[in-house]
All heavy atoms as atom14 arrays in JSON, in Angstrom:
{
  "sequence": "LGDEQRDALTAAAQRVRTYHEAQKRASGESWSYRDADGTLLGQKV",
  "atom14_mask": [
    [1, 1, 1, 1, 1, 1, 1, 1, 0, 0, 0, 0, 0, 0],
    [1, 1, 1, 1, 0, 0, 0, 0, 0, 0, 0, 0, 0, 0],
    [1, 1, 1, 1, 1, 1, 1, 1, 0, 0, 0, 0, 0, 0],
    [1, 1, 1, 1, 1, 1, 1, 1, 1, 0, 0, 0, 0, 0],
    [1, 1, 1, 1, 1, 1, 1, 1, 1, 0, 0, 0, 0, 0],
    [1, 1, 1, 1, 1, 1, 1, 1, 1, 1, 1, 0, 0, 0],
    [1, 1, 1, 1, 1, 1, 1, 1, 0, 0, 0, 0, 0, 0],
    [1, 1, 1, 1, 1, 0, 0, 0, 0, 0, 0, 0, 0, 0],
    [1, 1, 1, 1, 1, 1, 1, 1, 0, 0, 0, 0, 0, 0],
    [1, 1, 1, 1, 1, 1, 1, 0, 0, 0, 0, 0, 0, 0],
    [1, 1, 1, 1, 1, 0, 0, 0, 0, 0, 0, 0, 0, 0],
    [1, 1, 1, 1, 1, 0, 0, 0, 0, 0, 0, 0, 0, 0],
    [1, 1, 1, 1, 1, 0, 0, 0, 0, 0, 0, 0, 0, 0],
    [1, 1, 1, 1, 1, 1, 1, 1, 1, 0, 0, 0, 0, 0],
    [1, 1, 1, 1, 1, 1, 1, 1, 1, 1, 1, 0, 0, 0],
    [1, 1, 1, 1, 1, 1, 1, 0, 0, 0, 0, 0, 0, 0],
    [1, 1, 1, 1, 1, 1, 1, 1, 1, 1, 1, 0, 0, 0],
    [1, 1, 1, 1, 1, 1, 1, 0, 0, 0, 0, 0, 0, 0],
    [1, 1, 1, 1, 1, 1, 1, 1, 1, 1, 1, 1, 0, 0],
    [1, 1, 1, 1, 1, 1, 1, 1, 1, 1, 0, 0, 0, 0],
    [1, 1, 1, 1, 1, 1, 1, 1, 1, 0, 0, 0, 0, 0],
    [1, 1, 1, 1, 1, 0, 0, 0, 0, 0, 0, 0, 0, 0],
    [1, 1, 1, 1, 1, 1, 1, 1, 1, 0, 0, 0, 0, 0],
    [1, 1, 1, 1, 1, 1, 1, 1, 1, 0, 0, 0, 0, 0],
    [1, 1, 1, 1, 1, 1, 1, 1, 1, 1, 1, 0, 0, 0],
    [1, 1, 1, 1, 1, 0, 0, 0, 0, 0, 0, 0, 0, 0],
    [1, 1, 1, 1, 1, 1, 0, 0, 0, 0, 0, 0, 0, 0],
    [1, 1, 1, 1, 0, 0, 0, 0, 0, 0, 0, 0, 0, 0],
    [1, 1, 1, 1, 1, 1, 1, 1, 1, 0, 0, 0, 0, 0],
    [1, 1, 1, 1, 1, 1, 0, 0, 0, 0, 0, 0, 0, 0],
    [1, 1, 1, 1, 1, 1, 1, 1, 1, 1, 1, 1, 1, 1],
    [1, 1, 1, 1, 1, 1, 0, 0, 0, 0, 0, 0, 0, 0],
    [1, 1, 1, 1, 1, 1, 1, 1, 1, 1, 1, 1, 0, 0],
    [1, 1, 1, 1, 1, 1, 1, 1, 1, 1, 1, 0, 0, 0],
    [1, 1, 1, 1, 1, 1, 1, 1, 0, 0, 0, 0, 0, 0],
    [1, 1, 1, 1, 1, 0, 0, 0, 0, 0, 0, 0, 0, 0],
    [1, 1, 1, 1, 1, 1, 1, 1, 0, 0, 0, 0, 0, 0],
    [1, 1, 1, 1, 0, 0, 0, 0, 0, 0, 0, 0, 0, 0],
    [1, 1, 1, 1, 1, 1, 1, 0, 0, 0, 0, 0, 0, 0],
    [1, 1, 1, 1, 1, 1, 1, 1, 0, 0, 0, 0, 0, 0],
    [1, 1, 1, 1, 1, 1, 1, 1, 0, 0, 0, 0, 0, 0],
    [1, 1, 1, 1, 0, 0, 0, 0, 0, 0, 0, 0, 0, 0],
    [1, 1, 1, 1, 1, 1, 1, 1, 1, 0, 0, 0, 0, 0],
    [1, 1, 1, 1, 1, 1, 1, 1, 1, 0, 0, 0, 0, 0],
    [1, 1, 1, 1, 1, 1, 1, 0, 0, 0, 0, 0, 0, 0]
  ],
  "atom14_positions": [
    [[105.15, 111.32, 208.29], [104.99, 109.87, 208.3], [105.51, 109.27, 206.99], [105.45, 109.9, 205.94], [103.52, 109.48, 208.49], [102.84, 109.91, 209.77], [101.38, 109.47, 209.75], [103.54, 109.35, 211.01], [0.0, 0.0, 0.0], [0.0, 0.0, 0.0], [0.0, 0.0, 0.0], [0.0, 0.0, 0.0], [0.0, 0.0, 0.0], [0.0, 0.0, 0.0]],
    [[105.98, 108.04, 207.07], [106.32, 107.31, 205.86], [105.07, 106.98, 205.07], [103.96, 107.01, 205.6], [0.0, 0.0, 0.0], [0.0, 0.0, 0.0], [0.0, 0.0, 0.0], [0.0, 0.0, 0.0], [0.0, 0.0, 0.0], [0.0, 0.0, 0.0], [0.0, 0.0, 0.0], [0.0, 0.0, 0.0], [0.0, 0.0, 0.0], [0.0, 0.0, 0.0]],
    [[105.24, 106.65, 203.82], [104.09, 106.39, 202.94], [103.19, 105.29, 203.5], [101.95, 105.39, 203.47], [104.56, 105.99, 201.54], [105.18, 107.16, 200.78], [104.96, 108.31, 201.21], [105.87, 106.92, 199.77], [0.0, 0.0, 0.0], [0.0, 0.0, 0.0], [0.0, 0.0, 0.0], [0.0, 0.0, 0.0], [0.0, 0.0, 0.0], [0.0, 0.0, 0.0]],
    [[103.79, 104.24, 204.04], [103.01, 103.1, 204.53], [102.12, 103.51, 205.7], [100.92, 103.21, 205.72], [103.94, 101.97, 204.94], [103.2, 100.68, 205.3], [104.16, 99.54, 205.62], [105.23, 99.8, 206.21], [103.83, 98.39, 205.3], [0.0, 0.0, 0.0], [0.0, 0.0, 0.0], [0.0, 0.0, 0.0], [0.0, 0.0, 0.0], [0.0, 0.0, 0.0]],
    [[102.69, 104.23, 206.66], [101.89, 104.67, 207.81], [100.85, 105.69, 207.39], [99.7, 105.65, 207.86], [102.81, 105.28, 208.88], [103.5, 104.25, 209.75], [104.15, 104.9, 210.96], [104.67, 106.01, 210.87], [104.15, 104.2, 212.1], [0.0, 0.0, 0.0], [0.0, 0.0, 0.0], [0.0, 0.0, 0.0], [0.0, 0.0, 0.0], [0.0, 0.0, 0.0]],
    [[101.22, 106.62, 206.54], [100.28, 107.66, 206.13], [99.1, 107.05, 205.36], [97.94, 107.4, 205.59], [100.99, 108.7, 205.26], [100.14, 109.93, 204.95], [100.96, 111.09, 204.43], [101.71, 110.75, 203.24], [103.04, 110.71, 203.16], [103.78, 110.99, 204.22], [103.65, 110.38, 202.03], [0.0, 0.0, 0.0], [0.0, 0.0, 0.0], [0.0, 0.0, 0.0]],
    [[99.38, 106.09, 204.48], [98.31, 105.45, 203.71], [97.41, 104.62, 204.62], [96.18, 104.61, 204.45], [98.9, 104.56, 202.62], [99.58, 105.35, 201.51], [99.37, 106.59, 201.46], [100.33, 104.76, 200.72], [0.0, 0.0, 0.0], [0.0, 0.0, 0.0], [0.0, 0.0, 0.0], [0.0, 0.0, 0.0], [0.0, 0.0, 0.0], [0.0, 0.0, 0.0]],
    [[98.01, 103.91, 205.59], [97.2, 103.1, 206.5], [96.31, 103.97, 207.36], [95.13, 103.66, 207.58], [98.12, 102.24, 207.38], [0.0, 0.0, 0.0], [0.0, 0.0, 0.0], [0.0, 0.0, 0.0], [0.0, 0.0, 0.0], [0.0, 0.0, 0.0], [0.0, 0.0, 0.0], [0.0, 0.0, 0.0], [0.0, 0.0, 0.0], [0.0, 0.0, 0.0]],
    [[96.85, 105.07, 207.86], [96.08, 105.97, 208.71], [94.93, 106.59, 207.91], [93.79, 106.65, 208.4], [97.0, 107.07, 209.25], [96.36, 108.08, 210.22], [95.9, 107.38, 211.48], [97.36, 109.19, 210.55], [0.0, 0.0, 0.0], [0.0, 0.0, 0.0], [0.0, 0.0, 0.0], [0.0, 0.0, 0.0], [0.0, 0.0, 0.0], [0.0, 0.0, 0.0]],
    [[95.2, 107.02, 206.7], [94.17, 107.63, 205.86], [93.07, 106.62, 205.51], [91.88, 106.95, 205.55], [94.8, 108.19, 204.57], [95.83, 109.13, 204.9], [93.75, 108.88, 203.71], [0.0, 0.0, 0.0], [0.0, 0.0, 0.0], [0.0, 0.0, 0.0], [0.0, 0.0, 0.0], [0.0, 0.0, 0.0], [0.0, 0.0, 0.0], [0.0, 0.0, 0.0]],
    [[93.47, 105.38, 205.18], [92.48, 104.36, 204.83], [91.62, 104.01, 206.03], [90.39, 103.86, 205.9], [93.19, 103.11, 204.31], [0.0, 0.0, 0.0], [0.0, 0.0, 0.0], [0.0, 0.0, 0.0], [0.0, 0.0, 0.0], [0.0, 0.0, 0.0], [0.0, 0.0, 0.0], [0.0, 0.0, 0.0], [0.0, 0.0, 0.0], [0.0, 0.0, 0.0]],
    [[92.23, 103.86, 207.21], [91.47, 103.55, 208.42], [90.48, 104.67, 208.72], [89.31, 104.42, 209.04], [92.41, 103.32, 209.6], [0.0, 0.0, 0.0], [0.0, 0.0, 0.0], [0.0, 0.0, 0.0], [0.0, 0.0, 0.0], [0.0, 0.0, 0.0], [0.0, 0.0, 0.0], [0.0, 0.0, 0.0], [0.0, 0.0, 0.0], [0.0, 0.0, 0.0]],
    [[90.95, 105.92, 208.64], [90.09, 107.06, 208.93], [88.9, 107.11, 207.97], [87.77, 107.4, 208.38], [90.88, 108.35, 208.84], [0.0, 0.0, 0.0], [0.0, 0.0, 0.0], [0.0, 0.0, 0.0], [0.0, 0.0, 0.0], [0.0, 0.0, 0.0], [0.0, 0.0, 0.0], [0.0, 0.0, 0.0], [0.0, 0.0, 0.0], [0.0, 0.0, 0.0]],
    [[89.13, 106.79, 206.71], [88.05, 106.84, 205.74], [87.0, 105.77, 206.03], [85.8, 106.0, 205.91], [88.58, 106.67, 204.32], [87.52, 106.81, 203.23], [86.74, 108.09, 203.34], [87.34, 109.18, 203.38], [85.42, 108.02, 203.42], [0.0, 0.0, 0.0], [0.0, 0.0, 0.0], [0.0, 0.0, 0.0], [0.0, 0.0, 0.0], [0.0, 0.0, 0.0]],
    [[87.46, 104.56, 206.42], [86.51, 103.5, 206.74], [85.69, 103.85, 207.98], [84.49, 103.61, 208.04], [87.24, 102.18, 206.95], [87.86, 101.6, 205.68], [88.41, 100.21, 205.93], [87.35, 99.28, 206.3], [86.61, 98.6, 205.43], [86.82, 98.74, 204.12], [85.68, 97.77, 205.84], [0.0, 0.0, 0.0], [0.0, 0.0, 0.0], [0.0, 0.0, 0.0]],
    [[86.35, 104.41, 208.99], [85.63, 104.81, 210.22], [84.63, 105.91, 209.88], [83.5, 105.9, 210.36], [86.64, 105.29, 211.28], [85.92, 105.85, 212.5], [87.54, 104.13, 211.72], [0.0, 0.0, 0.0], [0.0, 0.0, 0.0], [0.0, 0.0, 0.0], [0.0, 0.0, 0.0], [0.0, 0.0, 0.0], [0.0, 0.0, 0.0], [0.0, 0.0, 0.0]],
    [[85.04, 106.86, 209.04], [84.13, 107.95, 208.66], [82.93, 107.44, 207.88], [81.78, 107.83, 208.11], [84.89, 109.01, 207.85], [84.07, 110.26, 207.57], [84.93, 111.33, 206.9], [86.04, 111.74, 207.74], [85.95, 112.64, 208.7], [84.78, 113.22, 208.95], [87.0, 112.96, 209.42], [0.0, 0.0, 0.0], [0.0, 0.0, 0.0], [0.0, 0.0, 0.0]],
    [[83.18, 106.54, 206.95], [82.09, 106.0, 206.12], [81.06, 105.27, 206.98], [79.85, 105.42, 206.8], [82.67, 105.03, 205.06], [83.55, 105.75, 204.21], [81.55, 104.41, 204.23], [0.0, 0.0, 0.0], [0.0, 0.0, 0.0], [0.0, 0.0, 0.0], [0.0, 0.0, 0.0], [0.0, 0.0, 0.0], [0.0, 0.0, 0.0], [0.0, 0.0, 0.0]],
    [[81.55, 104.48, 207.94], [80.64, 103.75, 208.83], [79.79, 104.72, 209.64], [78.57, 104.55, 209.76], [81.44, 102.84, 209.75], [80.57, 102.1, 210.76], [79.98, 100.88, 210.42], [80.32, 102.62, 212.02], [79.17, 100.21, 211.34], [79.51, 101.96, 212.93], [78.96, 100.76, 212.58], [78.15, 100.11, 213.48], [0.0, 0.0, 0.0], [0.0, 0.0, 0.0]],
    [[80.4, 105.73, 210.21], [79.66, 106.65, 211.07], [78.74, 107.59, 210.27], [77.72, 108.03, 210.79], [80.63, 107.41, 211.98], [81.2, 106.54, 213.06], [82.34, 105.81, 212.88], [80.76, 106.26, 214.31], [82.6, 105.11, 213.98], [81.67, 105.38, 214.87], [0.0, 0.0, 0.0], [0.0, 0.0, 0.0], [0.0, 0.0, 0.0], [0.0, 0.0, 0.0]],
    [[79.09, 107.86, 209.02], [78.15, 108.6, 208.18], [76.91, 107.77, 207.9], [75.79, 108.3, 207.9], [78.84, 109.01, 206.87], [79.85, 110.16, 207.04], [80.66, 110.45, 205.8], [80.68, 109.57, 204.89], [81.28, 111.52, 205.73], [0.0, 0.0, 0.0], [0.0, 0.0, 0.0], [0.0, 0.0, 0.0], [0.0, 0.0, 0.0], [0.0, 0.0, 0.0]],
    [[77.08, 106.47, 207.67], [75.92, 105.59, 207.5], [75.1, 105.52, 208.79], [73.87, 105.5, 208.76], [76.39, 104.18, 207.1], [0.0, 0.0, 0.0], [0.0, 0.0, 0.0], [0.0, 0.0, 0.0], [0.0, 0.0, 0.0], [0.0, 0.0, 0.0], [0.0, 0.0, 0.0], [0.0, 0.0, 0.0], [0.0, 0.0, 0.0], [0.0, 0.0, 0.0]],
    [[75.78, 105.5, 209.92], [75.08, 105.49, 211.21], [74.26, 106.75, 211.4], [73.12, 106.7, 211.87], [76.12, 105.35, 212.32], [75.56, 105.16, 213.71], [76.68, 105.06, 214.74], [77.3, 106.07, 215.05], [76.92, 103.86, 215.24], [0.0, 0.0, 0.0], [0.0, 0.0, 0.0], [0.0, 0.0, 0.0], [0.0, 0.0, 0.0], [0.0, 0.0, 0.0]],
    [[74.81, 107.87, 211.01], [74.08, 109.14, 211.13], [72.84, 109.15, 210.25], [71.76, 109.58, 210.65], [74.99, 110.32, 210.77], [74.31, 111.67, 210.91], [75.25, 112.8, 210.49], [74.53, 114.15, 210.59], [75.39, 115.26, 210.11], [0.0, 0.0, 0.0], [0.0, 0.0, 0.0], [0.0, 0.0, 0.0], [0.0, 0.0, 0.0], [0.0, 0.0, 0.0]],
    [[72.97, 108.65, 209.02], [71.81, 108.61, 208.11], [70.71, 107.7, 208.67], [69.53, 107.97, 208.5], [72.24, 108.12, 206.74], [73.07, 109.11, 205.94], [73.19, 108.69, 204.49], [73.84, 107.39, 204.33], [75.14, 107.22, 204.21], [75.96, 108.27, 204.27], [75.66, 106.0, 204.06], [0.0, 0.0, 0.0], [0.0, 0.0, 0.0], [0.0, 0.0, 0.0]],
    [[71.12, 106.62, 209.34], [70.16, 105.65, 209.82], [69.41, 106.12, 211.05], [68.23, 105.8, 211.24], [70.85, 104.32, 210.1], [0.0, 0.0, 0.0], [0.0, 0.0, 0.0], [0.0, 0.0, 0.0], [0.0, 0.0, 0.0], [0.0, 0.0, 0.0], [0.0, 0.0, 0.0], [0.0, 0.0, 0.0], [0.0, 0.0, 0.0], [0.0, 0.0, 0.0]],
    [[70.08, 106.87, 211.92], [69.44, 107.15, 213.21], [69.64, 108.57, 213.72], [69.17, 108.89, 214.8], [70.01, 106.18, 214.27], [71.42, 106.37, 214.4], [0.0, 0.0, 0.0], [0.0, 0.0, 0.0], [0.0, 0.0, 0.0], [0.0, 0.0, 0.0], [0.0, 0.0, 0.0], [0.0, 0.0, 0.0], [0.0, 0.0, 0.0], [0.0, 0.0, 0.0]],
    [[70.31, 109.4, 212.95], [70.68, 110.69, 213.48], [70.03, 111.89, 212.83], [70.57, 113.0, 212.89], [0.0, 0.0, 0.0], [0.0, 0.0, 0.0], [0.0, 0.0, 0.0], [0.0, 0.0, 0.0], [0.0, 0.0, 0.0], [0.0, 0.0, 0.0], [0.0, 0.0, 0.0], [0.0, 0.0, 0.0], [0.0, 0.0, 0.0], [0.0, 0.0, 0.0]],
    [[68.9, 111.71, 212.22], [68.24, 112.81, 211.54], [66.98, 113.24, 212.29], [66.31, 112.45, 212.95], [67.88, 112.42, 210.1], [69.06, 111.93, 209.27], [70.09, 113.01, 209.0], [69.74, 114.21, 209.16], [71.23, 112.66, 208.63], [0.0, 0.0, 0.0], [0.0, 0.0, 0.0], [0.0, 0.0, 0.0], [0.0, 0.0, 0.0], [0.0, 0.0, 0.0]],
    [[66.64, 114.51, 212.14], [65.41, 115.03, 212.74], [64.2, 114.47, 211.98], [64.29, 114.1, 210.8], [65.39, 116.56, 212.68], [66.5, 117.11, 213.35], [0.0, 0.0, 0.0], [0.0, 0.0, 0.0], [0.0, 0.0, 0.0], [0.0, 0.0, 0.0], [0.0, 0.0, 0.0], [0.0, 0.0, 0.0], [0.0, 0.0, 0.0], [0.0, 0.0, 0.0]],
    [[63.04, 114.43, 212.65], [61.82, 113.95, 212.0], [60.61, 114.61, 212.65], [60.68, 115.11, 213.77], [61.69, 112.42, 212.1], [61.79, 111.88, 213.51], [62.89, 111.45, 214.14], [60.7, 111.75, 214.45], [62.59, 111.05, 215.42], [61.24, 111.22, 215.63], [59.33, 112.03, 214.39], [60.46, 110.96, 216.76], [58.56, 111.77, 215.52], [59.12, 111.25, 216.67]],
    [[59.51, 114.63, 211.93], [58.26, 115.18, 212.48], [57.09, 114.65, 211.67], [57.25, 114.16, 210.55], [58.27, 116.7, 212.46], [58.31, 117.18, 211.13], [0.0, 0.0, 0.0], [0.0, 0.0, 0.0], [0.0, 0.0, 0.0], [0.0, 0.0, 0.0], [0.0, 0.0, 0.0], [0.0, 0.0, 0.0], [0.0, 0.0, 0.0], [0.0, 0.0, 0.0]],
    [[55.89, 114.76, 212.24], [54.66, 114.42, 211.52], [53.53, 115.28, 212.07], [53.63, 115.88, 213.15], [54.31, 112.93, 211.66], [53.97, 112.5, 213.08], [52.66, 112.55, 213.56], [54.96, 112.05, 213.95], [52.34, 112.17, 214.85], [54.66, 111.66, 215.24], [53.36, 111.72, 215.68], [53.05, 111.35, 216.97], [0.0, 0.0, 0.0], [0.0, 0.0, 0.0]],
    [[52.43, 115.37, 211.33], [51.27, 116.15, 211.76], [50.07, 115.24, 211.97], [49.8, 114.34, 211.18], [50.92, 117.24, 210.75], [51.89, 118.4, 210.75], [51.36, 119.6, 209.95], [52.34, 120.69, 209.97], [52.42, 121.61, 210.91], [51.58, 121.56, 211.95], [53.33, 122.58, 210.85], [0.0, 0.0, 0.0], [0.0, 0.0, 0.0], [0.0, 0.0, 0.0]],
    [[49.37, 115.49, 213.09], [48.11, 114.81, 213.33], [47.06, 115.31, 212.34], [47.25, 116.31, 211.64], [47.61, 115.09, 214.76], [48.37, 114.29, 215.8], [49.08, 113.35, 215.42], [48.25, 114.62, 216.98], [0.0, 0.0, 0.0], [0.0, 0.0, 0.0], [0.0, 0.0, 0.0], [0.0, 0.0, 0.0], [0.0, 0.0, 0.0], [0.0, 0.0, 0.0]],
    [[45.92, 114.64, 212.36], [44.82, 115.06, 211.47], [44.34, 116.48, 211.79], [43.86, 117.18, 210.89], [43.65, 114.07, 211.6], [0.0, 0.0, 0.0], [0.0, 0.0, 0.0], [0.0, 0.0, 0.0], [0.0, 0.0, 0.0], [0.0, 0.0, 0.0], [0.0, 0.0, 0.0], [0.0, 0.0, 0.0], [0.0, 0.0, 0.0], [0.0, 0.0, 0.0]],
    [[44.49, 116.92, 213.04], [44.03, 118.26, 213.41], [45.1, 119.33, 213.19], [44.92, 120.49, 213.55], [43.57, 118.29, 214.87], [44.68, 117.9, 215.85], [45.87, 117.98, 215.47], [44.37, 117.51, 216.99], [0.0, 0.0, 0.0], [0.0, 0.0, 0.0], [0.0, 0.0, 0.0], [0.0, 0.0, 0.0], [0.0, 0.0, 0.0], [0.0, 0.0, 0.0]],
    [[46.23, 118.93, 212.59], [47.27, 119.91, 212.27], [48.36, 120.05, 213.31], [49.33, 120.79, 213.12], [0.0, 0.0, 0.0], [0.0, 0.0, 0.0], [0.0, 0.0, 0.0], [0.0, 0.0, 0.0], [0.0, 0.0, 0.0], [0.0, 0.0, 0.0], [0.0, 0.0, 0.0], [0.0, 0.0, 0.0], [0.0, 0.0, 0.0], [0.0, 0.0, 0.0]],
    [[48.27, 119.32, 214.43], [49.31, 119.38, 215.46], [50.58, 118.72, 214.94], [50.54, 117.62, 214.37], [48.82, 118.65, 216.72], [47.72, 119.36, 217.27], [49.94, 118.57, 217.76], [0.0, 0.0, 0.0], [0.0, 0.0, 0.0], [0.0, 0.0, 0.0], [0.0, 0.0, 0.0], [0.0, 0.0, 0.0], [0.0, 0.0, 0.0], [0.0, 0.0, 0.0]],
    [[51.69, 119.41, 215.12], [52.98, 118.89, 214.69], [53.73, 118.3, 215.87], [53.84, 118.92, 216.93], [53.83, 120.0, 214.05], [55.22, 119.58, 213.55], [55.57, 120.29, 212.25], [56.3, 119.87, 214.59], [0.0, 0.0, 0.0], [0.0, 0.0, 0.0], [0.0, 0.0, 0.0], [0.0, 0.0, 0.0], [0.0, 0.0, 0.0], [0.0, 0.0, 0.0]],
    [[54.22, 117.1, 215.7], [55.03, 116.41, 216.71], [56.28, 115.88, 216.05], [56.23, 115.41, 214.9], [54.24, 115.27, 217.36], [52.93, 115.63, 218.04], [52.15, 114.39, 218.43], [53.19, 116.51, 219.27], [0.0, 0.0, 0.0], [0.0, 0.0, 0.0], [0.0, 0.0, 0.0], [0.0, 0.0, 0.0], [0.0, 0.0, 0.0], [0.0, 0.0, 0.0]],
    [[57.38, 115.95, 216.75], [58.6, 115.44, 216.14], [59.78, 115.51, 217.07], [59.66, 115.7, 218.28], [0.0, 0.0, 0.0], [0.0, 0.0, 0.0], [0.0, 0.0, 0.0], [0.0, 0.0, 0.0], [0.0, 0.0, 0.0], [0.0, 0.0, 0.0], [0.0, 0.0, 0.0], [0.0, 0.0, 0.0], [0.0, 0.0, 0.0], [0.0, 0.0, 0.0]],
    [[60.95, 115.38, 216.47], [62.18, 115.37, 217.22], [63.25, 116.12, 216.41], [63.41, 115.86, 215.21], [62.64, 113.95, 217.48], [63.77, 113.82, 218.48], [64.04, 112.37, 218.83], [64.69, 111.65, 218.08], [63.55, 111.93, 219.98], [0.0, 0.0, 0.0], [0.0, 0.0, 0.0], [0.0, 0.0, 0.0], [0.0, 0.0, 0.0], [0.0, 0.0, 0.0]],
    [[63.93, 117.03, 217.06], [65.0, 117.79, 216.42], [66.33, 117.27, 216.95], [66.59, 117.26, 218.15], [64.86, 119.28, 216.73], [65.93, 120.14, 216.09], [65.69, 121.63, 216.39], [66.74, 122.5, 215.72], [66.52, 123.94, 216.0], [0.0, 0.0, 0.0], [0.0, 0.0, 0.0], [0.0, 0.0, 0.0], [0.0, 0.0, 0.0], [0.0, 0.0, 0.0]],
    [[67.18, 116.82, 216.04], [68.48, 116.27, 216.4], [69.55, 117.31, 216.11], [69.66, 117.78, 214.96], [68.77, 114.97, 215.63], [70.15, 114.43, 215.99], [67.7, 113.93, 215.92], [0.0, 0.0, 0.0], [0.0, 0.0, 0.0], [0.0, 0.0, 0.0], [0.0, 0.0, 0.0], [0.0, 0.0, 0.0], [0.0, 0.0, 0.0], [0.0, 0.0, 0.0]]
  ]
}
C-alpha cells in the first residue's frame, strides 16, 4: 500500500481496537460474589 492508505488503515484499526478494548473492560469481564453463608455465585466470561 501507499503511505496514505497504509497510515489511514492503521489509524482506523487502532481507533476501532481502542473502542472495543474499552467495551470489553466495561462489560466483558468475569465476576463473582459470596453470600454470608459462603456460597459463591458469579459469571465466567
